[in-house]
Amino acid sequence: MYKEEYPVVPYVAYGLAALTAYARVHGDNHWASDVIAGAVAGHLIAKLSMSYLNKDGKRSGVTVTPELDPNGDGFRIYVKWTPKSKKYIFY
């Protein structure tokens, strides 16, 4: 998100993530497969959440909305997919 304004941000962020991953595996807190699966899941979730807005400013992608049940009986989570709008250019 910030790589155009601050080109060093991706290197610092991924470097810190790699150090954290190494520390978790080296300290026998996680298996390497756990760390890899978490990294893949985190990357995909970040990409999905960052694709939330179209270039024209309209919402798109996955919207997750948590909500308490009006009767106070429970908790609900709504997941909605809105496709990106396609702009057609005619010449």
PDB file of N, CA and C in Angstrom:
ATOM      1  N   MET A   1       0.820  -1.190   0.000  1.00  0.00           N
ATOM      2  CA  MET A   1       0.000   0.000   0.000  1.00  0.00           C
ATOM      3  C   MET A   1       0.868   1.261   0.000  1.00  0.00           C
ATOM      4  N   TYR A   2       1.972   1.225   0.718  1.00  0.00           N
ATOM      5  CA  TYR A   2       2.806   2.421   0.852  1.00  0.00           C
ATOM      6  C   TYR A   2       4.054   2.372  -0.020  1.00  0.00           C
ATOM      7  N   LYS A   3       4.179   1.351  -0.867  1.00  0.00           N
ATOM      8  CA  LYS A   3       5.445   1.184  -1.568  1.00  0.00           C
ATOM      9  C   LYS A   3       5.761   2.283  -2.579  1.00  0.00           C
ATOM     10  N   GLU A   4       4.751   2.998  -3.095  1.00  0.00           N
ATOM     11  CA  GLU A   4       5.049   4.097  -4.012  1.00  0.00           C
ATOM     12  C   GLU A   4       5.628   5.295  -3.264  1.00  0.00           C
ATOM     13  N   GLU A   5       5.072   5.595  -2.091  1.00  0.00           N
ATOM     14  CA  GLU A   5       5.552   6.742  -1.320  1.00  0.00           C
ATOM     15  C   GLU A   5       6.823   6.419  -0.539  1.00  0.00           C
ATOM     16  N   TYR A   6       6.867   5.208   0.027  1.00  0.00           N
ATOM     17  CA  TYR A   6       7.995   4.784   0.853  1.00  0.00           C
ATOM     18  C   TYR A   6       8.472   3.418   0.374  1.00  0.00           C
ATOM     19  N   PRO A   7       9.411   3.373  -0.563  1.00  0.00           N
ATOM     20  CA  PRO A   7       9.810   2.101  -1.160  1.00  0.00           C
ATOM     21  C   PRO A   7      10.467   1.128  -0.182  1.00  0.00           C
ATOM     22  N   VAL A   8      10.888   1.581   0.971  1.00  0.00           N
ATOM     23  CA  VAL A   8      11.553   0.712   1.935  1.00  0.00           C
ATOM     24  C   VAL A   8      10.551  -0.101   2.768  1.00  0.00           C
ATOM     25  N   VAL A   9       9.291   0.310   2.797  1.00  0.00           N
ATOM     26  CA  VAL A   9       8.287  -0.346   3.646  1.00  0.00           C
ATOM     27  C   VAL A   9       8.142  -1.839   3.365  1.00  0.00           C
ATOM     28  N   PRO A  10       8.013  -2.301   2.112  1.00  0.00           N
ATOM     29  CA  PRO A  10       7.886  -3.749   1.904  1.00  0.00           C
ATOM     30  C   PRO A  10       9.090  -4.540   2.421  1.00  0.00           C
ATOM     31  N   TYR A  11      10.291  -3.991   2.254  1.00  0.00           N
ATOM     32  CA  TYR A  11      11.485  -4.687   2.719  1.00  0.00           C
ATOM     33  C   TYR A  11      11.500  -4.802   4.243  1.00  0.00           C
ATOM     34  N   VAL A  12      11.123  -3.736   4.916  1.00  0.00           N
ATOM     35  CA  VAL A  12      11.085  -3.758   6.384  1.00  0.00           C
ATOM     36  C   VAL A  12       9.981  -4.697   6.868  1.00  0.00           C
ATOM     37  N   ALA A  13       8.802  -4.608   6.275  1.00  0.00           N
ATOM     38  CA  ALA A  13       7.672  -5.432   6.713  1.00  0.00           C
ATOM     39  C   ALA A  13       7.950  -6.920   6.498  1.00  0.00           C
ATOM     40  N   TYR A  14       8.408  -7.284   5.308  1.00  0.00           N
ATOM     41  CA  TYR A  14       8.693  -8.690   5.044  1.00  0.00           C
ATOM     42  C   TYR A  14       9.919  -9.164   5.827  1.00  0.00           C
ATOM     43  N   GLY A  15      10.867  -8.277   6.073  1.00  0.00           N
ATOM     44  CA  GLY A  15      12.021  -8.644   6.894  1.00  0.00           C
ATOM     45  C   GLY A  15      11.614  -8.949   8.326  1.00  0.00           C
ATOM     46  N   LEU A  16      10.758  -8.104   8.903  1.00  0.00           N
ATOM     47  CA  LEU A  16      10.262  -8.357  10.258  1.00  0.00           C
ATOM     48  C   LEU A  16       9.432  -9.632  10.322  1.00  0.00           C
ATOM     49  N   ALA A  17       8.637  -9.873   9.291  1.00  0.00           N
ATOM     50  CA  ALA A  17       7.843 -11.099   9.248  1.00  0.00           C
ATOM     51  C   ALA A  17       8.751 -12.329   9.170  1.00  0.00           C
ATOM     52  N   ALA A  18       9.810 -12.246   8.379  1.00  0.00           N
ATOM     53  CA  ALA A  18      10.738 -13.375   8.258  1.00  0.00           C
ATOM     54  C   ALA A  18      11.471 -13.623   9.575  1.00  0.00           C
ATOM     55  N   LEU A  19      11.874 -12.553  10.264  1.00  0.00           N
ATOM     56  CA  LEU A  19      12.528 -12.717  11.561  1.00  0.00           C
ATOM     57  C   LEU A  19      11.582 -13.333  12.585  1.00  0.00           C
ATOM     58  N   THR A  20      10.344 -12.915  12.578  1.00  0.00           N
ATOM     59  CA  THR A  20       9.350 -13.486  13.484  1.00  0.00           C
ATOM     60  C   THR A  20       9.124 -14.962  13.177  1.00  0.00           C
ATOM     61  N   ALA A  21       9.018 -15.289  11.901  1.00  0.00           N
ATOM     62  CA  ALA A  21       8.824 -16.685  11.500  1.00  0.00           C
ATOM     63  C   ALA A  21      10.007 -17.543  11.943  1.00  0.00           C
ATOM     64  N   TYR A  22      11.209 -17.035  11.729  1.00  0.00           N
ATOM     65  CA  TYR A  22      12.404 -17.773  12.145  1.00  0.00           C
ATOM     66  C   TYR A  22      12.406 -17.980  13.654  1.00  0.00           C
ATOM     67  N   ALA A  23      12.085 -16.943  14.402  1.00  0.00           N
ATOM     68  CA  ALA A  23      12.085 -17.043  15.861  1.00  0.00           C
ATOM     69  C   ALA A  23      11.060 -18.056  16.350  1.00  0.00           C
ATOM     70  N   ARG A  24       9.892 -18.100  15.717  1.00  0.00           N
ATOM     71  CA  ARG A  24       8.853 -19.055  16.131  1.00  0.00           C
ATOM     72  C   ARG A  24       9.269 -20.496  15.858  1.00  0.00           C
ATOM     73  N   VAL A  25       9.919 -20.729  14.723  1.00  0.00           N
ATOM     74  CA  VAL A  25      10.357 -22.085  14.396  1.00  0.00           C
ATOM     75  C   VAL A  25      11.572 -22.461  15.243  1.00  0.00           C
ATOM     76  N   HIS A  26      12.525 -21.548  15.367  1.00  0.00           N
ATOM     77  CA  HIS A  26      13.745 -21.819  16.127  1.00  0.00           C
ATOM     78  C   HIS A  26      13.447 -22.047  17.612  1.00  0.00           C
ATOM     79  N   GLY A  27      12.462 -21.362  18.145  1.00  0.00           N
ATOM     80  CA  GLY A  27      12.091 -21.516  19.548  1.00  0.00           C
ATOM     81  C   GLY A  27      11.171 -22.692  19.809  1.00  0.00           C
ATOM     82  N   ASP A  28      10.932 -23.520  18.806  1.00  0.00           N
ATOM     83  CA  ASP A  28      10.043 -24.686  18.902  1.00  0.00           C
ATOM     84  C   ASP A  28       8.625 -24.306  19.338  1.00  0.00           C
ATOM     85  N   ASN A  29       8.178 -23.134  18.922  1.00  0.00           N
ATOM     86  CA  ASN A  29       6.813 -22.708  19.205  1.00  0.00           C
ATOM     87  C   ASN A  29       5.859 -23.103  18.082  1.00  0.00           C
ATOM     88  N   HIS A  30       6.395 -23.235  16.866  1.00  0.00           N
ATOM     89  CA  HIS A  30       5.594 -23.629  15.700  1.00  0.00           C
ATOM     90  C   HIS A  30       6.427 -24.522  14.803  1.00  0.00           C
ATOM     91  N   TRP A  31       5.757 -25.333  14.026  1.00  0.00           N
ATOM     92  CA  TRP A  31       6.423 -26.078  12.973  1.00  0.00           C
ATOM     93  C   TRP A  31       6.557 -25.155  11.773  1.00  0.00           C
ATOM     94  N   ALA A  32       7.498 -25.472  10.907  1.00  0.00           N
ATOM     95  CA  ALA A  32       7.706 -24.659   9.704  1.00  0.00           C
ATOM     96  C   ALA A  32       6.459 -24.652   8.829  1.00  0.00           C
ATOM     97  N   SER A  33       5.747 -25.772   8.766  1.00  0.00           N
ATOM     98  CA  SER A  33       4.527 -25.825   7.952  1.00  0.00           C
ATOM     99  C   SER A  33       3.461 -24.869   8.498  1.00  0.00           C
ATOM    100  N   ASP A  34       3.381 -24.707   9.829  1.00  0.00           N
ATOM    101  CA  ASP A  34       2.448 -23.749  10.421  1.00  0.00           C
ATOM    102  C   ASP A  34       2.786 -22.320  10.000  1.00  0.00           C
ATOM    103  N   VAL A  35       4.069 -22.016  10.045  1.00  0.00           N
ATOM    104  CA  VAL A  35       4.516 -20.662   9.698  1.00  0.00           C
ATOM    105  C   VAL A  35       4.252 -20.374   8.229  1.00  0.00           C
ATOM    106  N   ILE A  36       4.525 -21.340   7.368  1.00  0.00           N
ATOM    107  CA  ILE A  36       4.292 -21.146   5.927  1.00  0.00           C
ATOM    108  C   ILE A  36       2.803 -20.990   5.645  1.00  0.00           C
ATOM    109  N   ALA A  37       1.979 -21.835   6.255  1.00  0.00           N
ATOM    110  CA  ALA A  37       0.527 -21.729   6.054  1.00  0.00           C
ATOM    111  C   ALA A  37       0.003 -20.391   6.565  1.00  0.00           C
ATOM    112  N   GLY A  38       0.512 -19.935   7.696  1.00  0.00           N
ATOM    113  CA  GLY A  38       0.100 -18.632   8.228  1.00  0.00           C
ATOM    114  C   GLY A  38       0.530 -17.479   7.335  1.00  0.00           C
ATOM    115  N   ALA A  39       1.723 -17.584   6.764  1.00  0.00           N
ATOM    116  CA  ALA A  39       2.216 -16.539   5.871  1.00  0.00           C
ATOM    117  C   ALA A  39       1.368 -16.465   4.604  1.00  0.00           C
ATOM    118  N   VAL A  40       1.041 -17.627   4.046  1.00  0.00           N
ATOM    119  CA  VAL A  40       0.205 -17.656   2.836  1.00  0.00           C
ATOM    120  C   VAL A  40      -1.182 -17.106   3.142  1.00  0.00           C
ATOM    121  N   ALA A  41      -1.769 -17.548   4.255  1.00  0.00           N
ATOM    122  CA  ALA A  41      -3.103 -17.056   4.621  1.00  0.00           C
ATOM    123  C   ALA A  41      -3.079 -15.555   4.868  1.00  0.00           C
ATOM    124  N   GLY A  42      -2.079 -15.069   5.583  1.00  0.00           N
ATOM    125  CA  GLY A  42      -1.978 -13.634   5.853  1.00  0.00           C
ATOM    126  C   GLY A  42      -1.809 -12.818   4.591  1.00  0.00           C
ATOM    127  N   HIS A  43      -0.991 -13.314   3.670  1.00  0.00           N
ATOM    128  CA  HIS A  43      -0.774 -12.602   2.410  1.00  0.00           C
ATOM    129  C   HIS A  43      -2.065 -12.531   1.591  1.00  0.00           C
ATOM    130  N   LEU A  44      -2.765 -13.668   1.492  1.00  0.00           N
ATOM    131  CA  LEU A  44      -4.005 -13.684   0.710  1.00  0.00           C
ATOM    132  C   LEU A  44      -5.090 -12.820   1.339  1.00  0.00           C
ATOM    133  N   ILE A  45      -5.208 -12.859   2.661  1.00  0.00           N
ATOM    134  CA  ILE A  45      -6.203 -12.033   3.342  1.00  0.00           C
ATOM    135  C   ILE A  45      -5.881 -10.557   3.165  1.00  0.00           C
ATOM    136  N   ALA A  46      -4.607 -10.200   3.237  1.00  0.00           N
ATOM    137  CA  ALA A  46      -4.221  -8.799   3.027  1.00  0.00           C
ATOM    138  C   ALA A  46      -4.534  -8.355   1.605  1.00  0.00           C
ATOM    139  N   LYS A  47      -4.242  -9.201   0.611  1.00  0.00           N
ATOM    140  CA  LYS A  47      -4.547  -8.853  -0.783  1.00  0.00           C
ATOM    141  C   LYS A  47      -6.048  -8.700  -0.994  1.00  0.00           C
ATOM    142  N   LEU A  48      -6.824  -9.606  -0.398  1.00  0.00           N
ATOM    143  CA  LEU A  48      -8.284  -9.522  -0.523  1.00  0.00           C
ATOM    144  C   LEU A  48      -8.823  -8.244   0.115  1.00  0.00           C
ATOM    145  N   SER A  49      -8.328  -7.937   1.296  1.00  0.00           N
ATOM    146  CA  SER A  49      -8.839  -6.746   1.979  1.00  0.00           C
ATOM    147  C   SER A  49      -8.383  -5.466   1.289  1.00  0.00           C
ATOM    148  N   MET A  50      -7.207  -5.479   0.671  1.00  0.00           N
ATOM    149  CA  MET A  50      -6.736  -4.276  -0.021  1.00  0.00           C
ATOM    150  C   MET A  50      -7.424  -4.081  -1.369  1.00  0.00           C
ATOM    151  N   SER A  51      -8.028  -5.135  -1.910  1.00  0.00           N
ATOM    152  CA  SER A  51      -8.751  -4.999  -3.171  1.00  0.00           C
ATOM    153  C   SER A  51     -10.202  -4.597  -2.924  1.00  0.00           C
ATOM    154  N   TYR A  52     -10.464  -4.056  -1.762  1.00  0.00           N
ATOM    155  CA  TYR A  52     -11.817  -3.696  -1.348  1.00  0.00           C
ATOM    156  C   TYR A  52     -12.396  -2.563  -2.191  1.00  0.00           C
ATOM    157  N   LEU A  53     -11.570  -1.626  -2.596  1.00  0.00           N
ATOM    158  CA  LEU A  53     -12.068  -0.490  -3.374  1.00  0.00           C
ATOM    159  C   LEU A  53     -11.648  -0.600  -4.829  1.00  0.00           C
ATOM    160  N   ASN A  54     -12.566  -0.273  -5.701  1.00  0.00           N
ATOM    161  CA  ASN A  54     -12.247  -0.167  -7.122  1.00  0.00           C
ATOM    162  C   ASN A  54     -11.458   1.110  -7.354  1.00  0.00           C
ATOM    163  N   LYS A  55     -10.958   1.264  -8.559  1.00  0.00           N
ATOM    164  CA  LYS A  55     -10.244   2.489  -8.895  1.00  0.00           C
ATOM    165  C   LYS A  55     -11.166   3.694  -8.933  1.00  0.00           C
ATOM    166  N   ASP A  56     -12.465   3.463  -9.167  1.00  0.00           N
ATOM    167  CA  ASP A  56     -13.398   4.580  -9.193  1.00  0.00           C
ATOM    168  C   ASP A  56     -13.959   4.887  -7.798  1.00  0.00           C
ATOM    169  N   GLY A  57     -13.440   4.225  -6.744  1.00  0.00           N
ATOM    170  CA  GLY A  57     -13.840   4.529  -5.375  1.00  0.00           C
ATOM    171  C   GLY A  57     -15.027   3.742  -4.864  1.00  0.00           C
ATOM    172  N   LYS A  58     -15.603   2.861  -5.678  1.00  0.00           N
ATOM    173  CA  LYS A  58     -16.735   2.061  -5.232  1.00  0.00           C
ATOM    174  C   LYS A  58     -16.242   0.791  -4.558  1.00  0.00           C
ATOM    175  N   ARG A  59     -17.030   0.300  -3.625  1.00  0.00           N
ATOM    176  CA  ARG A  59     -16.652  -0.906  -2.899  1.00  0.00           C
ATOM    177  C   ARG A  59     -16.755  -2.130  -3.790  1.00  0.00           C
ATOM    178  N   SER A  60     -15.806  -3.033  -3.601  1.00  0.00           N
ATOM    179  CA  SER A  60     -15.851  -4.316  -4.289  1.00  0.00           C
ATOM    180  C   SER A  60     -15.100  -5.325  -3.447  1.00  0.00           C
ATOM    181  N   GLY A  61     -15.179  -6.575  -3.829  1.00  0.00           N
ATOM    182  CA  GLY A  61     -14.469  -7.611  -3.113  1.00  0.00           C
ATOM    183  C   GLY A  61     -15.323  -8.234  -2.028  1.00  0.00           C
ATOM    184  N   VAL A  62     -14.659  -8.737  -1.004  1.00  0.00           N
ATOM    185  CA  VAL A  62     -15.334  -9.421   0.087  1.00  0.00           C
ATOM    186  C   VAL A  62     -15.584  -8.443   1.218  1.00  0.00           C
ATOM    187  N   THR A  63     -16.811  -8.401   1.702  1.00  0.00           N
ATOM    188  CA  THR A  63     -17.179  -7.594   2.852  1.00  0.00           C
ATOM    189  C   THR A  63     -17.603  -8.540   3.970  1.00  0.00           C
ATOM    190  N   VAL A  64     -16.960  -8.440   5.125  1.00  0.00           N
ATOM    191  CA  VAL A  64     -17.304  -9.253   6.281  1.00  0.00           C
ATOM    192  C   VAL A  64     -17.858  -8.327   7.343  1.00  0.00           C
ATOM    193  N   THR A  65     -19.102  -8.597   7.770  1.00  0.00           N
ATOM    194  CA  THR A  65     -19.767  -7.740   8.738  1.00  0.00           C
ATOM    195  C   THR A  65     -20.217  -8.563   9.943  1.00  0.00           C
ATOM    196  N   PRO A  66     -19.583  -8.377  11.107  1.00  0.00           N
ATOM    197  CA  PRO A  66     -20.057  -9.060  12.309  1.00  0.00           C
ATOM    198  C   PRO A  66     -21.214  -8.289  12.928  1.00  0.00           C
ATOM    199  N   GLU A  67     -22.108  -9.002  13.588  1.00  0.00           N
ATOM    200  CA  GLU A  67     -23.267  -8.331  14.184  1.00  0.00           C
ATOM    201  C   GLU A  67     -23.837  -9.203  15.298  1.00  0.00           C
ATOM    202  N   LEU A  68     -24.320  -8.546  16.361  1.00  0.00           N
ATOM    203  CA  LEU A  68     -25.013  -9.255  17.427  1.00  0.00           C
ATOM    204  C   LEU A  68     -26.448  -9.502  17.006  1.00  0.00           C
ATOM    205  N   ASP A  69     -26.977 -10.643  17.400  1.00  0.00           N
ATOM    206  CA  ASP A  69     -28.366 -10.978  17.105  1.00  0.00           C
ATOM    207  C   ASP A  69     -29.275  -9.979  17.816  1.00  0.00           C
ATOM    208  N   PRO A  70     -30.287  -9.426  17.135  1.00  0.00           N
ATOM    209  CA  PRO A  70     -31.165  -8.431  17.769  1.00  0.00           C
ATOM    210  C   PRO A  70     -31.844  -8.958  19.040  1.00  0.00           C
ATOM    211  N   ASN A  71     -32.091 -10.263  19.114  1.00  0.00           N
ATOM    212  CA  ASN A  71     -32.720 -10.834  20.303  1.00  0.00           C
ATOM    213  C   ASN A  71     -31.725 -11.073  21.426  1.00  0.00           C
ATOM    214  N   GLY A  72     -30.459 -10.861  21.157  1.00  0.00           N
ATOM    215  CA  GLY A  72     -29.434 -11.094  22.158  1.00  0.00           C
ATOM    216  C   GLY A  72     -29.082 -12.558  22.330  1.00  0.00           C
ATOM    217  N   ASP A  73     -29.487 -13.395  21.382  1.00  0.00           N
ATOM    218  CA  ASP A  73     -29.267 -14.830  21.497  1.00  0.00           C
ATOM    219  C   ASP A  73     -27.928 -15.293  20.922  1.00  0.00           C
ATOM    220  N   GLY A  74     -27.266 -14.468  20.157  1.00  0.00           N
ATOM    221  CA  GLY A  74     -26.035 -14.954  19.535  1.00  0.00           C
ATOM    222  C   GLY A  74     -25.336 -13.894  18.714  1.00  0.00           C
ATOM    223  N   PHE A  75     -24.510 -14.376  17.855  1.00  0.00           N
ATOM    224  CA  PHE A  75     -23.618 -13.553  17.056  1.00  0.00           C
ATOM    225  C   PHE A  75     -23.679 -14.040  15.621  1.00  0.00           C
ATOM    226  N   ARG A  76     -23.726 -13.118  14.668  1.00  0.00           N
ATOM    227  CA  ARG A  76     -23.784 -13.483  13.249  1.00  0.00           C
ATOM    228  C   ARG A  76     -22.643 -12.819  12.507  1.00  0.00           C
ATOM    229  N   ILE A  77     -22.224 -13.468  11.453  1.00  0.00           N
ATOM    230  CA  ILE A  77     -21.219 -12.889  10.555  1.00  0.00           C
ATOM    231  C   ILE A  77     -21.760 -12.982   9.143  1.00  0.00           C
ATOM    232  N   TYR A  78     -21.867 -11.840   8.483  1.00  0.00           N
ATOM    233  CA  TYR A  78     -22.312 -11.795   7.099  1.00  0.00           C
ATOM    234  C   TYR A  78     -21.090 -11.664   6.201  1.00  0.00           C
ATOM    235  N   VAL A  79     -21.040 -12.468   5.162  1.00  0.00           N
ATOM    236  CA  VAL A  79     -19.977 -12.385   4.171  1.00  0.00           C
ATOM    237  C   VAL A  79     -20.637 -12.114   2.832  1.00  0.00           C
ATOM    238  N   LYS A  80     -20.198 -11.041   2.175  1.00  0.00           N
ATOM    239  CA  LYS A  80     -20.801 -10.648   0.900  1.00  0.00           C
ATOM    240  C   LYS A  80     -19.697 -10.413  -0.119  1.00  0.00           C
ATOM    241  N   TRP A  81     -19.893 -10.923  -1.318  1.00  0.00           N
ATOM    242  CA  TRP A  81     -18.955 -10.708  -2.419  1.00  0.00           C
ATOM    243  C   TRP A  81     -19.577  -9.737  -3.407  1.00  0.00           C
ATOM    244  N   THR A  82     -18.868  -8.664  -3.713  1.00  0.00           N
ATOM    245  CA  THR A  82     -19.293  -7.701  -4.720  1.00  0.00           C
ATOM    246  C   THR A  82     -18.227  -7.674  -5.805  1.00  0.00           C
ATOM    247  N   PRO A  83     -18.576  -8.064  -7.032  1.00  0.00           N
ATOM    248  CA  PRO A  83     -17.557  -8.071  -8.087  1.00  0.00           C
ATOM    249  C   PRO A  83     -17.161  -6.659  -8.485  1.00  0.00           C
ATOM    250  N   LYS A  84     -15.954  -6.543  -9.003  1.00  0.00           N
ATOM    251  CA  LYS A  84     -15.493  -5.256  -9.487  1.00  0.00           C
ATOM    252  C   LYS A  84     -16.274  -4.859 -10.716  1.00  0.00           C
ATOM    253  N   SER A  85     -16.565  -3.576 -10.812  1.00  0.00           N
ATOM    254  CA  SER A  85     -17.299  -3.104 -11.980  1.00  0.00           C
ATOM    255  C   SER A  85     -16.371  -3.076 -13.186  1.00  0.00           C
ATOM    256  N   LYS A  86     -16.913  -3.424 -14.322  1.00  0.00           N
ATOM    257  CA  LYS A  86     -16.134  -3.402 -15.552  1.00  0.00           C
ATOM    258  C   LYS A  86     -16.528  -2.161 -16.347  1.00  0.00           C
ATOM    259  N   LYS A  87     -15.538  -1.448 -16.760  1.00  0.00           N
ATOM    260  CA  LYS A  87     -15.785  -0.286 -17.595  1.00  0.00           C
ATOM    261  C   LYS A  87     -15.429  -0.663 -19.022  1.00  0.00           C
ATOM    262  N   TYR A  88     -16.360  -0.447 -19.885  1.00  0.00           N
ATOM    263  CA  TYR A  88     -16.135  -0.743 -21.282  1.00  0.00           C
ATOM    264  C   TYR A  88     -15.788   0.537 -22.017  1.00  0.00           C
ATOM    265  N   ILE A  89     -14.764   0.453 -22.820  1.00  0.00           N
ATOM    266  CA  ILE A  89     -14.336   1.593 -23.614  1.00  0.00           C
ATOM    267  C   ILE A  89     -14.637   1.288 -25.077  1.00  0.00           C
ATOM    268  N   PHE A  90     -15.438   2.133 -25.674  1.00  0.00           N
ATOM    269  CA  PHE A  90     -15.776   1.960 -27.089  1.00  0.00           C
ATOM    270  C   PHE A  90     -15.041   3.005 -27.907  1.00  0.00           C
ATOM    271  N   TYR A  91     -14.440   2.561 -28.962  1.00  0.00           N
ATOM    272  CA  TYR A  91     -13.716   3.485 -29.836  1.00  0.00           C
ATOM    273  C   TYR A  91     -14.491   3.737 -31.091  1.00  0.00           C
TER     274      TYR A  91
END
